[in-house]
Amino acid sequence: MPPTLASLVQHSALKLTVRAGADRLGTPVRWAHASELADPVPYMDGGELLLVTATNLDADDPESMRRYVRRLAGAGVAGVGFAVGVNYDDVPAALVDAAEEAGLPLLEVPRRTPFLAISKAVSAAIAADQYRAVTAGFEAQRELTKAALAGDGPAELLARLAAHIDGWAALYDTSGAVLAAAPDWAARRAARLTPDVERLRDRPAPASVVVGDNEDRVELQSLGTGRRARGALAVGTGAALGTAERYAVHSAVALLTLTTARSRSLQGAEQRLGAAVLRMLLAGQPDHARAVAGDLYGGLLDAPFRLLIAEAAAPAGSELLTETMEAAAARTGEALLLVPEAERVVVLAADGGSAVAACAAYAEAQDDRAPREGGAEDSDVVVGLSAPSGPVAVSAAYKQAEQALSVARRRGRALVEHEELAAGSVLPLLADDAVRAFADGMLRALYEHDAKGRGDLVASLRAWLSRHGQWDAAAADLGVHRHTLRYRMRRVEEILGRSLDDPDVRMELWLALKTTEAATPAEE
């Protein structure tokens, strides 16, 4: 503890006597300073014990002393030490009354006690307190380092940190989810701070912020040294951290940052192994892939999995998505094979697992977010997700994910599953500029013919194709004779230069008609 007025009064060598403010002797003293200025406030920082002999003060004037003491109290001065036997034989009553009125401690300093002795006593007490804090900080560092090296995860480190700061501590992953907390009850308190952690995550590391409510004071510290934070540490206490507690927190931040960096290095090695496994699976070598996967990815290959391909408008987007999936998989102990591939990321994840669910939730949140003026945000991603697959069908799953990714781009959606394409109509897939251009070019001559009032060839072609070439049924739909319809179909062949006997031609014409219909707004 830093020195207080009480500890100075109890110092046997100083012989100080309390003349006012006896109920505030617990006030910490940051320094002792002698000044004979009539107004020393401009030169004070607060927390000082001001030592005076009243050389330039009218210490017998009650109003003058009242103004003087009020100024000192307003500046945060810890107390006043008045030397007797120099200019005054006793502490002036006006000064005592003013100090009592303002609640400012007033100490009588006997003539035989020089101000220098008081300054030395304060300085020695401050130095001793700092030494104790540094010693306690080093001890905390040793304990936290042992906990970090024990290899049991962050729980033990957080428990020891919470004990040192007499509060609680929590560790967050990059998504803002609580990974561990100590004591156990702190997990619920820490979870309420996720929005603050998310805001801290967007600032370059290292960064910190103080938050809190009526419960406690909380400091959030980001973990990492790069452009993006790799997690966050929260410490909650009843008051501001002291020097020893600050040492402990800084040690914990350094250790957790090193642990995170080590984890990233291991993750890089795992990604290289995962890339080799993926290449073998795509090459149709599932047995070799299993042998290489070992315990790391072997469990993933033993059950149905999904293959997803994600592309982002900026690297930050794919990083944030993969970190979200990694955090979800880590919380449930799932294996996750993740391979960066040029501008995109390829992932194998357990079907129905938390990583796929986290990806879907991330994409849904992106779709729900109002688009930002000027284009996509850095965090925007586009994801194609395959159907459930196994090791022998990874190549097909890869193609499915690519097809779904292509559709997601065209539709402006964050995520499309291949199963949506297989279960739905092919017509939504035609909503593409190139397909519409093809359809317009194929049918343009027929539309131009009809526009000149020479017949209704487009409607006749649509009716004939919809009736699978049945003349009587199509003619009845149009309300014309079947010979009229035959004549119109010959004109279609002549204008297009294509034979309607060719099934490929009939297919292309039907899709062209459906495409132009989809592009034309329905009439009211």
Protein backbone atom coordinates (compact mmCIF):
# COMPACT_ATOMS: atom_id res chain seq x y z
CA MET A 1 0.00 0.00 0.00
CA PRO A 2 1.23 3.55 -0.69
CA PRO A 3 1.92 5.79 2.32
CA THR A 4 -1.05 7.49 3.95
CA LEU A 5 -1.40 10.42 6.33
CA ALA A 6 -2.10 7.89 9.06
CA SER A 7 1.18 6.05 8.42
CA LEU A 8 3.07 9.36 8.62
CA VAL A 9 1.35 10.28 11.89
CA GLN A 10 2.30 6.87 13.24
CA HIS A 11 5.94 7.37 12.16
CA SER A 12 7.68 7.71 15.55
CA ALA A 13 10.55 9.86 14.27
CA LEU A 14 8.35 12.57 12.74
CA LYS A 15 6.30 13.45 15.86
CA LEU A 16 3.35 14.78 13.83
CA THR A 17 0.11 15.84 15.53
CA VAL A 18 -3.34 15.84 13.95
CA ARG A 19 -5.07 19.24 14.29
CA ALA A 20 -7.95 18.77 11.78
CA GLY A 21 -9.44 16.14 9.47
CA ALA A 22 -8.77 13.17 11.73
CA ASP A 23 -11.44 11.17 9.90
CA ARG A 24 -9.54 11.39 6.58
CA LEU A 25 -6.11 10.14 7.56
CA GLY A 26 -6.49 7.14 5.24
CA THR A 27 -5.88 9.40 2.25
CA PRO A 28 -2.89 8.15 0.19
CA VAL A 29 0.07 10.52 -0.13
CA ARG A 30 1.68 10.64 -3.57
CA TRP A 31 4.42 13.11 -2.57
CA ALA A 32 5.46 15.69 0.02
CA HIS A 33 6.08 19.21 -1.24
CA ALA A 34 7.08 22.44 0.54
CA SER A 35 5.75 25.74 -0.81
CA GLU A 36 5.34 29.21 0.66
CA LEU A 37 3.35 30.57 -2.29
CA ALA A 38 0.10 32.28 -1.42
CA ASP A 39 -1.51 30.11 -4.15
CA PRO A 40 0.48 26.93 -4.89
CA VAL A 41 -2.45 25.21 -6.66
CA PRO A 42 -1.18 25.81 -10.24
CA TYR A 43 1.91 23.74 -9.34
CA MET A 44 0.10 20.80 -7.71
CA ASP A 45 -0.97 17.49 -9.27
CA GLY A 46 -3.14 16.24 -6.43
CA GLY A 47 -2.35 13.79 -3.65
CA GLU A 48 0.50 15.87 -2.16
CA LEU A 49 1.14 16.62 1.50
CA LEU A 50 1.78 20.38 1.36
CA LEU A 51 4.34 21.60 3.90
CA VAL A 52 4.15 25.29 4.91
CA THR A 53 5.45 27.79 7.50
CA ALA A 54 2.97 30.55 6.45
CA THR A 55 5.74 33.00 5.49
CA ASN A 56 3.49 34.64 2.86
CA LEU A 57 0.12 33.86 4.39
CA ASP A 58 -2.16 35.93 6.59
CA ALA A 59 -2.76 32.85 8.72
CA ASP A 60 -4.72 34.71 11.41
CA ASP A 61 -7.36 35.99 8.98
CA PRO A 62 -10.33 33.55 8.88
CA GLU A 63 -11.58 34.58 5.42
CA SER A 64 -8.10 34.44 3.89
CA MET A 65 -7.52 30.97 5.37
CA ARG A 66 -10.95 29.81 4.21
CA ARG A 67 -10.14 30.74 0.58
CA TYR A 68 -6.65 29.22 0.84
CA VAL A 69 -7.85 25.88 2.23
CA ARG A 70 -10.77 25.61 -0.20
CA ARG A 71 -8.34 26.04 -3.12
CA LEU A 72 -6.10 23.29 -1.76
CA ALA A 73 -8.98 20.90 -1.13
CA GLY A 74 -10.38 21.56 -4.61
CA ALA A 75 -6.98 20.72 -6.14
CA GLY A 76 -6.95 17.31 -4.44
CA VAL A 77 -4.19 18.06 -1.95
CA ALA A 78 -3.98 15.17 0.53
CA GLY A 79 -3.29 17.38 3.55
CA VAL A 80 -1.30 20.28 4.98
CA GLY A 81 1.69 20.05 7.33
CA PHE A 82 2.16 23.28 9.32
CA ALA A 83 5.55 23.92 10.96
CA VAL A 84 5.28 25.59 14.36
CA GLY A 85 8.07 27.58 15.97
CA VAL A 86 9.09 29.28 12.73
CA ASN A 87 6.65 32.08 11.90
CA TYR A 88 3.96 30.99 14.37
CA ASP A 89 4.40 29.39 17.79
CA ASP A 90 1.18 27.43 17.34
CA VAL A 91 -1.03 26.49 14.43
CA PRO A 92 -3.29 29.53 13.85
CA ALA A 93 -6.88 28.97 14.91
CA ALA A 94 -8.13 30.46 11.61
CA LEU A 95 -6.25 27.74 9.69
CA VAL A 96 -7.52 24.97 12.00
CA ASP A 97 -11.13 26.13 11.64
CA ALA A 98 -10.84 26.44 7.84
CA ALA A 99 -9.34 22.95 7.57
CA GLU A 100 -12.08 21.44 9.73
CA GLU A 101 -14.72 23.20 7.66
CA ALA A 102 -13.26 21.94 4.35
CA GLY A 103 -12.52 18.44 5.66
CA LEU A 104 -8.82 18.83 4.81
CA PRO A 105 -6.40 17.02 7.15
CA LEU A 106 -4.06 19.42 8.99
CA LEU A 107 -0.90 18.13 10.71
CA GLU A 108 1.27 20.04 13.16
CA VAL A 109 4.99 19.66 12.42
CA PRO A 110 7.25 20.34 15.45
CA ARG A 111 10.26 22.61 14.98
CA ARG A 112 12.71 19.76 15.49
CA THR A 113 11.25 17.85 12.50
CA PRO A 114 12.61 19.29 9.26
CA PHE A 115 10.46 19.16 6.14
CA LEU A 116 13.22 17.12 4.51
CA ALA A 117 12.65 14.31 7.00
CA ILE A 118 8.99 14.15 6.03
CA SER A 119 9.88 14.15 2.31
CA LYS A 120 12.37 11.32 2.89
CA ALA A 121 9.81 9.32 4.82
CA VAL A 122 7.24 9.68 2.06
CA SER A 123 9.81 8.85 -0.62
CA ALA A 124 11.01 5.77 1.26
CA ALA A 125 7.45 4.53 1.76
CA ILE A 126 6.66 5.01 -1.95
CA ALA A 127 9.83 3.18 -2.95
CA ALA A 128 9.02 0.31 -0.58
CA ASP A 129 5.50 0.07 -1.98
CA GLN A 130 6.83 0.00 -5.55
CA TYR A 131 9.34 -2.69 -4.60
CA ARG A 132 6.57 -4.79 -3.10
CA ALA A 133 4.50 -4.30 -6.23
CA VAL A 134 7.36 -5.29 -8.53
CA THR A 135 8.17 -8.32 -6.37
CA ALA A 136 4.53 -9.37 -6.36
CA GLY A 137 4.41 -8.79 -10.13
CA PHE A 138 7.42 -11.04 -10.71
CA GLU A 139 5.89 -13.69 -8.50
CA ALA A 140 2.66 -13.48 -10.47
CA GLN A 141 4.64 -13.72 -13.70
CA ARG A 142 6.36 -16.90 -12.49
CA GLU A 143 3.06 -18.49 -11.47
CA LEU A 144 1.33 -17.53 -14.70
CA THR A 145 4.25 -18.80 -16.79
CA LYS A 146 4.11 -22.17 -14.99
CA ALA A 147 0.38 -22.34 -15.68
CA ALA A 148 0.90 -21.50 -19.36
CA LEU A 149 3.63 -24.14 -19.75
CA ALA A 150 1.59 -26.82 -18.02
CA GLY A 151 -0.25 -27.45 -21.26
CA ASP A 152 -3.67 -27.72 -19.62
CA GLY A 153 -5.15 -24.85 -21.58
CA PRO A 154 -5.91 -21.31 -20.37
CA ALA A 155 -8.16 -22.27 -17.44
CA GLU A 156 -5.36 -22.58 -14.87
CA LEU A 157 -3.67 -19.38 -16.05
CA LEU A 158 -6.94 -17.48 -15.72
CA ALA A 159 -7.56 -18.95 -12.26
CA ARG A 160 -4.18 -17.74 -11.01
CA LEU A 161 -4.65 -14.35 -12.62
CA ALA A 162 -8.06 -13.93 -10.97
CA ALA A 163 -6.49 -14.72 -7.58
CA HIS A 164 -3.72 -12.15 -8.07
CA ILE A 165 -6.06 -9.33 -9.02
CA ASP A 166 -8.72 -10.32 -6.46
CA GLY A 167 -11.34 -10.39 -9.20
CA TRP A 168 -12.22 -12.45 -12.27
CA ALA A 169 -10.72 -13.10 -15.69
CA ALA A 170 -12.04 -14.40 -19.02
CA LEU A 171 -10.57 -15.33 -22.40
CA TYR A 172 -12.41 -14.71 -25.70
CA ASP A 173 -11.82 -16.09 -29.18
CA THR A 174 -11.83 -13.96 -32.33
CA SER A 175 -15.61 -14.18 -32.66
CA GLY A 176 -16.14 -12.76 -29.16
CA ALA A 177 -17.22 -16.07 -27.63
CA VAL A 178 -16.00 -16.90 -24.12
CA LEU A 179 -13.42 -19.72 -24.23
CA ALA A 180 -12.70 -19.89 -20.49
CA ALA A 181 -13.37 -17.92 -17.31
CA ALA A 182 -12.29 -17.97 -13.67
CA PRO A 183 -13.96 -18.33 -11.27
CA ASP A 184 -16.68 -20.35 -12.97
CA TRP A 185 -19.39 -17.84 -12.13
CA ALA A 186 -17.59 -15.21 -14.21
CA ALA A 187 -18.51 -16.92 -17.51
CA ARG A 188 -22.00 -15.42 -17.45
CA ARG A 189 -20.66 -11.97 -16.58
CA ALA A 190 -18.05 -12.21 -19.35
CA ALA A 191 -20.63 -13.26 -21.96
CA ARG A 192 -22.42 -9.92 -21.58
CA LEU A 193 -19.29 -8.15 -22.82
CA THR A 194 -19.21 -9.85 -26.25
CA PRO A 195 -20.31 -6.66 -28.11
CA ASP A 196 -17.43 -4.74 -26.48
CA VAL A 197 -15.00 -7.51 -27.48
CA GLU A 198 -16.27 -7.36 -31.07
CA ARG A 199 -15.62 -3.61 -31.20
CA LEU A 200 -12.14 -4.10 -29.74
CA ARG A 201 -11.46 -6.79 -32.36
CA ASP A 202 -11.82 -4.22 -35.14
CA ARG A 203 -8.94 -2.13 -33.76
CA PRO A 204 -5.29 -2.93 -34.56
CA ALA A 205 -3.65 -5.01 -31.81
CA PRO A 206 -2.58 -4.36 -29.15
CA ALA A 207 -5.53 -2.32 -27.93
CA SER A 208 -7.43 -1.95 -24.67
CA VAL A 209 -10.60 -0.41 -23.34
CA VAL A 210 -12.20 0.02 -19.91
CA VAL A 211 -15.88 -0.86 -19.58
CA GLY A 212 -18.10 -1.67 -16.65
CA ASP A 213 -21.34 -1.12 -14.85
CA ASN A 214 -22.51 -1.16 -11.25
CA GLU A 215 -21.03 -4.63 -10.75
CA ASP A 216 -17.35 -3.99 -11.42
CA ARG A 217 -14.68 -2.30 -13.47
CA VAL A 218 -13.56 -4.35 -16.49
CA GLU A 219 -10.48 -3.95 -18.64
CA LEU A 220 -10.43 -5.59 -22.07
CA GLN A 221 -7.04 -6.28 -23.64
CA SER A 222 -6.65 -7.56 -27.22
CA LEU A 223 -4.30 -10.46 -27.88
CA GLY A 224 -1.95 -10.47 -30.84
CA THR A 225 0.48 -8.17 -32.57
CA GLY A 226 -0.80 -8.17 -36.14
CA ARG A 227 -3.40 -6.26 -38.08
CA ARG A 228 -6.19 -8.27 -36.47
CA ALA A 229 -6.58 -9.31 -32.87
CA ARG A 230 -6.49 -13.06 -32.21
CA GLY A 231 -8.61 -12.91 -29.09
CA ALA A 232 -9.17 -10.82 -25.98
CA LEU A 233 -8.61 -10.96 -22.24
CA ALA A 234 -11.07 -9.44 -19.76
CA VAL A 235 -10.25 -8.73 -16.10
CA GLY A 236 -12.90 -7.52 -13.69
CA THR A 237 -12.11 -5.87 -10.36
CA GLY A 238 -13.84 -3.72 -7.80
CA ALA A 239 -11.45 -0.80 -8.36
CA ALA A 240 -8.67 0.34 -10.66
CA LEU A 241 -5.72 -2.03 -10.93
CA GLY A 242 -2.72 -1.35 -8.71
CA THR A 243 0.89 -1.71 -9.80
CA ALA A 244 1.19 -5.37 -8.80
CA GLU A 245 -2.12 -6.24 -10.45
CA ARG A 246 -1.04 -4.39 -13.58
CA TYR A 247 2.14 -6.48 -13.76
CA ALA A 248 0.06 -9.64 -13.51
CA VAL A 249 -2.33 -8.58 -16.28
CA HIS A 250 0.50 -7.57 -18.62
CA SER A 251 2.19 -10.92 -18.00
CA ALA A 252 -1.05 -12.75 -18.80
CA VAL A 253 -1.51 -10.77 -22.01
CA ALA A 254 2.05 -11.56 -23.12
CA LEU A 255 1.70 -15.28 -22.32
CA LEU A 256 -1.68 -15.61 -24.01
CA THR A 257 -0.37 -13.74 -27.06
CA LEU A 258 2.58 -16.12 -27.28
CA THR A 259 0.24 -19.06 -26.88
CA THR A 260 -1.97 -17.68 -29.64
CA ALA A 261 1.03 -17.16 -31.93
CA ARG A 262 2.18 -20.70 -31.24
CA SER A 263 -1.31 -21.95 -32.02
CA ARG A 264 -1.26 -20.06 -35.32
CA SER A 265 2.06 -21.70 -36.24
CA LEU A 266 0.64 -25.12 -35.44
CA GLN A 267 -2.45 -24.23 -37.40
CA GLY A 268 -0.28 -23.36 -40.40
CA ALA A 269 1.32 -26.80 -40.22
CA GLU A 270 -2.11 -28.40 -39.94
CA GLN A 271 -3.28 -26.46 -42.99
CA ARG A 272 -0.35 -27.77 -45.04
CA LEU A 273 -1.21 -31.30 -43.97
CA GLY A 274 -4.86 -30.63 -44.76
CA ALA A 275 -3.93 -29.39 -48.25
CA ALA A 276 -2.11 -32.67 -48.90
CA VAL A 277 -5.13 -34.67 -47.69
CA LEU A 278 -7.46 -32.63 -49.91
CA ARG A 279 -5.26 -33.13 -53.00
CA MET A 280 -5.29 -36.89 -52.44
CA LEU A 281 -9.06 -36.94 -52.02
CA LEU A 282 -9.55 -34.91 -55.20
CA ALA A 283 -7.19 -37.30 -57.02
CA GLY A 284 -9.36 -40.26 -56.02
CA GLN A 285 -6.95 -41.67 -53.45
CA PRO A 286 -9.06 -41.90 -50.27
CA ASP A 287 -6.93 -44.66 -48.73
CA HIS A 288 -3.75 -42.60 -49.02
CA ALA A 289 -5.63 -39.58 -47.72
CA ARG A 290 -6.73 -41.51 -44.62
CA ALA A 291 -3.16 -42.62 -43.97
CA VAL A 292 -1.87 -39.04 -44.14
CA ALA A 293 -4.80 -37.61 -42.16
CA GLY A 294 -4.01 -39.78 -39.13
CA ASP A 295 -5.66 -38.73 -35.88
CA LEU A 296 -5.87 -35.09 -36.93
CA TYR A 297 -8.42 -35.45 -39.75
CA GLY A 298 -9.18 -39.18 -39.69
CA GLY A 299 -12.34 -38.74 -37.65
CA LEU A 300 -13.62 -36.18 -40.16
CA LEU A 301 -13.27 -38.69 -43.00
CA ASP A 302 -15.14 -41.41 -41.10
CA ALA A 303 -18.50 -39.58 -41.20
CA PRO A 304 -20.45 -37.55 -43.78
CA PHE A 305 -18.97 -34.13 -44.31
CA ARG A 306 -19.63 -31.00 -46.35
CA LEU A 307 -17.21 -29.30 -48.69
CA LEU A 308 -17.55 -25.56 -48.94
CA ILE A 309 -15.75 -22.97 -51.03
CA ALA A 310 -15.73 -19.37 -49.81
CA GLU A 311 -14.66 -16.25 -51.67
CA ALA A 312 -14.39 -12.79 -50.13
CA ALA A 313 -14.33 -9.22 -51.36
CA ALA A 314 -11.20 -8.71 -49.24
CA PRO A 315 -8.88 -11.02 -47.23
CA ALA A 316 -10.47 -9.82 -43.99
CA GLY A 317 -13.75 -11.42 -45.01
CA SER A 318 -12.40 -14.93 -45.51
CA GLU A 319 -10.26 -14.58 -42.37
CA LEU A 320 -13.25 -13.63 -40.26
CA LEU A 321 -15.38 -16.47 -41.65
CA THR A 322 -12.69 -19.10 -41.11
CA GLU A 323 -11.97 -17.81 -37.61
CA THR A 324 -15.69 -18.03 -36.84
CA MET A 325 -15.81 -21.63 -38.06
CA GLU A 326 -12.58 -22.55 -36.25
CA ALA A 327 -13.90 -21.12 -32.99
CA ALA A 328 -17.18 -23.04 -33.35
CA ALA A 329 -15.34 -26.28 -34.12
CA ALA A 330 -12.95 -25.77 -31.21
CA ARG A 331 -15.79 -25.33 -28.74
CA THR A 332 -17.30 -28.69 -29.71
CA GLY A 333 -14.07 -30.57 -30.42
CA GLU A 334 -14.84 -31.04 -34.13
CA ALA A 335 -12.12 -31.64 -36.71
CA LEU A 336 -11.99 -28.98 -39.43
CA LEU A 337 -9.90 -29.26 -42.60
CA LEU A 338 -9.27 -25.76 -43.92
CA VAL A 339 -7.14 -25.00 -47.00
CA PRO A 340 -6.49 -21.44 -48.29
CA GLU A 341 -6.53 -21.54 -52.09
CA ALA A 342 -5.52 -18.33 -53.88
CA GLU A 343 -8.49 -15.94 -53.55
CA ARG A 344 -10.66 -18.42 -51.70
CA VAL A 345 -10.80 -21.01 -48.93
CA VAL A 346 -11.80 -24.67 -49.22
CA VAL A 347 -13.18 -26.33 -46.08
CA LEU A 348 -14.18 -29.86 -45.14
CA ALA A 349 -16.48 -29.81 -42.11
CA ALA A 350 -18.70 -32.37 -40.40
CA ASP A 351 -22.21 -32.53 -41.83
CA GLY A 352 -24.62 -31.14 -39.25
CA GLY A 353 -21.74 -29.89 -37.11
CA SER A 354 -21.20 -26.57 -35.39
CA ALA A 355 -18.72 -25.26 -37.99
CA VAL A 356 -21.24 -25.56 -40.85
CA ALA A 357 -23.90 -24.03 -38.61
CA ALA A 358 -21.57 -21.13 -37.77
CA CYS A 359 -20.91 -20.58 -41.48
CA ALA A 360 -24.64 -20.53 -42.23
CA ALA A 361 -25.28 -18.08 -39.37
CA TYR A 362 -22.47 -15.83 -40.58
CA ALA A 363 -23.91 -15.83 -44.12
CA GLU A 364 -27.45 -15.17 -42.85
CA ALA A 365 -26.22 -12.19 -40.83
CA GLN A 366 -24.49 -10.85 -43.95
CA ASP A 367 -27.65 -11.23 -46.05
CA ASP A 368 -29.70 -9.49 -43.36
CA ARG A 369 -27.30 -6.57 -43.20
CA ALA A 370 -28.25 -3.60 -45.34
CA PRO A 371 -25.75 -3.21 -48.22
CA ARG A 372 -23.23 -0.46 -47.69
CA GLU A 373 -23.12 2.35 -50.21
CA GLY A 374 -20.16 1.96 -52.54
CA GLY A 375 -20.10 -1.85 -52.73
CA ALA A 376 -19.33 -4.89 -50.65
CA GLU A 377 -17.84 -4.62 -47.19
CA ASP A 378 -14.45 -6.10 -46.39
CA SER A 379 -16.15 -8.80 -44.34
CA ASP A 380 -18.50 -9.90 -47.16
CA VAL A 381 -18.13 -13.49 -48.37
CA VAL A 382 -19.79 -15.74 -50.93
CA VAL A 383 -20.04 -19.43 -50.06
CA GLY A 384 -20.95 -22.53 -52.06
CA LEU A 385 -21.83 -25.61 -50.00
CA SER A 386 -21.88 -29.17 -51.32
CA ALA A 387 -24.31 -31.92 -50.41
CA PRO A 388 -23.20 -34.38 -47.69
CA SER A 389 -20.34 -36.44 -49.07
CA GLY A 390 -17.66 -39.00 -48.21
CA PRO A 391 -13.99 -39.59 -49.05
CA VAL A 392 -14.68 -41.40 -52.35
CA ALA A 393 -16.81 -38.54 -53.72
CA VAL A 394 -14.80 -35.44 -52.80
CA SER A 395 -14.20 -34.54 -56.44
CA ALA A 396 -17.96 -34.48 -57.07
CA ALA A 397 -18.49 -32.49 -53.86
CA TYR A 398 -15.90 -29.95 -55.01
CA LYS A 399 -17.81 -29.46 -58.30
CA GLN A 400 -21.08 -29.13 -56.38
CA ALA A 401 -19.59 -26.43 -54.16
CA GLU A 402 -18.24 -24.56 -57.20
CA GLN A 403 -21.64 -24.70 -58.91
CA ALA A 404 -23.36 -23.46 -55.76
CA LEU A 405 -20.75 -20.69 -55.42
CA SER A 406 -21.42 -19.56 -58.99
CA VAL A 407 -25.16 -19.39 -58.34
CA ALA A 408 -24.58 -17.49 -55.08
CA ARG A 409 -22.59 -14.86 -56.97
CA ARG A 410 -25.32 -14.42 -59.60
CA ARG A 411 -28.10 -14.24 -57.04
CA GLY A 412 -26.24 -11.87 -54.74
CA ARG A 413 -26.53 -14.26 -51.80
CA ALA A 414 -23.88 -15.03 -49.19
CA LEU A 415 -24.46 -18.80 -49.22
CA VAL A 416 -26.10 -21.32 -51.56
CA GLU A 417 -26.32 -25.06 -50.90
CA HIS A 418 -26.06 -27.46 -53.82
CA GLU A 419 -29.15 -29.26 -52.54
CA GLU A 420 -31.17 -26.12 -53.30
CA LEU A 421 -30.19 -26.42 -56.95
CA ALA A 422 -30.98 -30.12 -57.19
CA ALA A 423 -34.38 -29.77 -55.48
CA GLY A 424 -35.53 -26.63 -57.29
CA SER A 425 -36.20 -25.55 -60.87
CA VAL A 426 -33.47 -24.94 -63.43
CA LEU A 427 -35.10 -21.69 -64.46
CA PRO A 428 -33.63 -19.54 -61.67
CA LEU A 429 -30.21 -20.55 -62.96
CA LEU A 430 -30.98 -18.72 -66.21
CA ALA A 431 -30.95 -15.33 -64.47
CA ASP A 432 -27.64 -14.52 -66.02
CA ASP A 433 -26.70 -11.70 -68.41
CA ALA A 434 -25.02 -14.10 -70.85
CA VAL A 435 -28.06 -16.42 -70.93
CA ARG A 436 -30.44 -13.50 -71.45
CA ALA A 437 -28.26 -12.18 -74.27
CA PHE A 438 -28.36 -15.60 -75.94
CA ALA A 439 -32.15 -15.78 -75.60
CA ASP A 440 -32.68 -12.28 -76.97
CA GLY A 441 -30.43 -13.01 -79.93
CA MET A 442 -32.14 -16.29 -80.72
CA LEU A 443 -35.68 -14.88 -80.65
CA ARG A 444 -35.05 -11.34 -81.92
CA ALA A 445 -36.01 -12.10 -85.52
CA LEU A 446 -39.32 -13.63 -84.43
CA TYR A 447 -40.17 -10.65 -82.22
CA GLU A 448 -39.30 -8.23 -85.04
CA HIS A 449 -41.52 -10.24 -87.42
CA ASP A 450 -44.46 -10.08 -85.00
CA ALA A 451 -43.89 -6.38 -84.35
CA LYS A 452 -44.56 -5.64 -88.04
CA GLY A 453 -47.99 -7.26 -87.75
CA ARG A 454 -47.17 -10.27 -89.91
CA GLY A 455 -48.42 -12.89 -87.50
CA ASP A 456 -48.03 -14.14 -83.96
CA LEU A 457 -45.07 -16.46 -84.38
CA VAL A 458 -43.72 -16.19 -80.82
CA ALA A 459 -47.04 -17.12 -79.18
CA SER A 460 -47.55 -19.92 -81.70
CA LEU A 461 -44.08 -21.32 -81.02
CA ARG A 462 -44.68 -21.20 -77.27
CA ALA A 463 -48.02 -23.02 -77.60
CA TRP A 464 -46.61 -25.67 -79.94
CA LEU A 465 -43.60 -26.37 -77.69
CA SER A 466 -45.75 -26.46 -74.55
CA ARG A 467 -47.96 -29.13 -76.25
CA HIS A 468 -44.88 -31.15 -77.22
CA GLY A 469 -45.58 -30.64 -80.95
CA GLN A 470 -49.24 -31.80 -80.85
CA TRP A 471 -50.84 -29.78 -83.65
CA ASP A 472 -54.48 -30.09 -82.70
CA ALA A 473 -53.99 -29.30 -79.02
CA ALA A 474 -51.69 -26.32 -79.69
CA ALA A 475 -54.03 -24.96 -82.41
CA ALA A 476 -56.95 -25.22 -80.01
CA ASP A 477 -55.00 -23.26 -77.37
CA LEU A 478 -54.38 -20.53 -79.93
CA GLY A 479 -57.91 -20.62 -81.45
CA VAL A 480 -56.60 -21.19 -85.01
CA HIS A 481 -56.77 -24.03 -87.53
CA ARG A 482 -54.01 -26.61 -87.36
CA HIS A 483 -53.01 -25.77 -90.99
CA THR A 484 -52.49 -22.15 -89.89
CA LEU A 485 -50.26 -23.35 -87.08
CA ARG A 486 -48.26 -25.59 -89.47
CA TYR A 487 -47.69 -22.61 -91.73
CA ARG A 488 -46.50 -20.51 -88.81
CA MET A 489 -44.03 -23.19 -87.66
CA ARG A 490 -42.59 -23.39 -91.21
CA ARG A 491 -42.11 -19.60 -91.09
CA VAL A 492 -40.34 -19.97 -87.71
CA GLU A 493 -37.94 -22.48 -89.28
CA GLU A 494 -37.36 -20.23 -92.29
CA ILE A 495 -36.70 -17.10 -90.16
CA LEU A 496 -34.44 -18.86 -87.63
CA GLY A 497 -32.76 -21.16 -90.12
CA ARG A 498 -33.22 -24.03 -87.64
CA SER A 499 -35.21 -27.26 -87.85
CA LEU A 500 -37.88 -27.85 -85.21
CA ASP A 501 -37.37 -31.60 -85.72
CA ASP A 502 -34.07 -31.25 -83.81
CA PRO A 503 -34.70 -31.83 -80.06
CA ASP A 504 -31.73 -29.63 -79.16
CA VAL A 505 -33.27 -26.75 -81.11
CA ARG A 506 -36.63 -27.27 -79.40
CA MET A 507 -34.88 -27.29 -75.99
CA GLU A 508 -32.94 -24.11 -76.72
CA LEU A 509 -36.04 -22.32 -77.99
CA TRP A 510 -38.06 -23.34 -74.93
CA LEU A 511 -35.36 -22.14 -72.53
CA ALA A 512 -35.01 -18.91 -74.54
CA LEU A 513 -38.74 -18.31 -74.22
CA LYS A 514 -38.71 -18.99 -70.48
CA THR A 515 -35.70 -16.70 -70.03
CA THR A 516 -37.33 -13.77 -71.85
CA GLU A 517 -40.56 -14.32 -69.92
CA ALA A 518 -38.66 -14.22 -66.62
CA ALA A 519 -36.94 -11.00 -67.66
CA THR A 520 -40.25 -9.32 -68.70
CA PRO A 521 -42.32 -7.89 -65.80
CA ALA A 522 -45.81 -9.36 -65.57
CA GLU A 523 -48.59 -7.08 -66.77
CA GLU A 524 -50.88 -5.64 -64.14
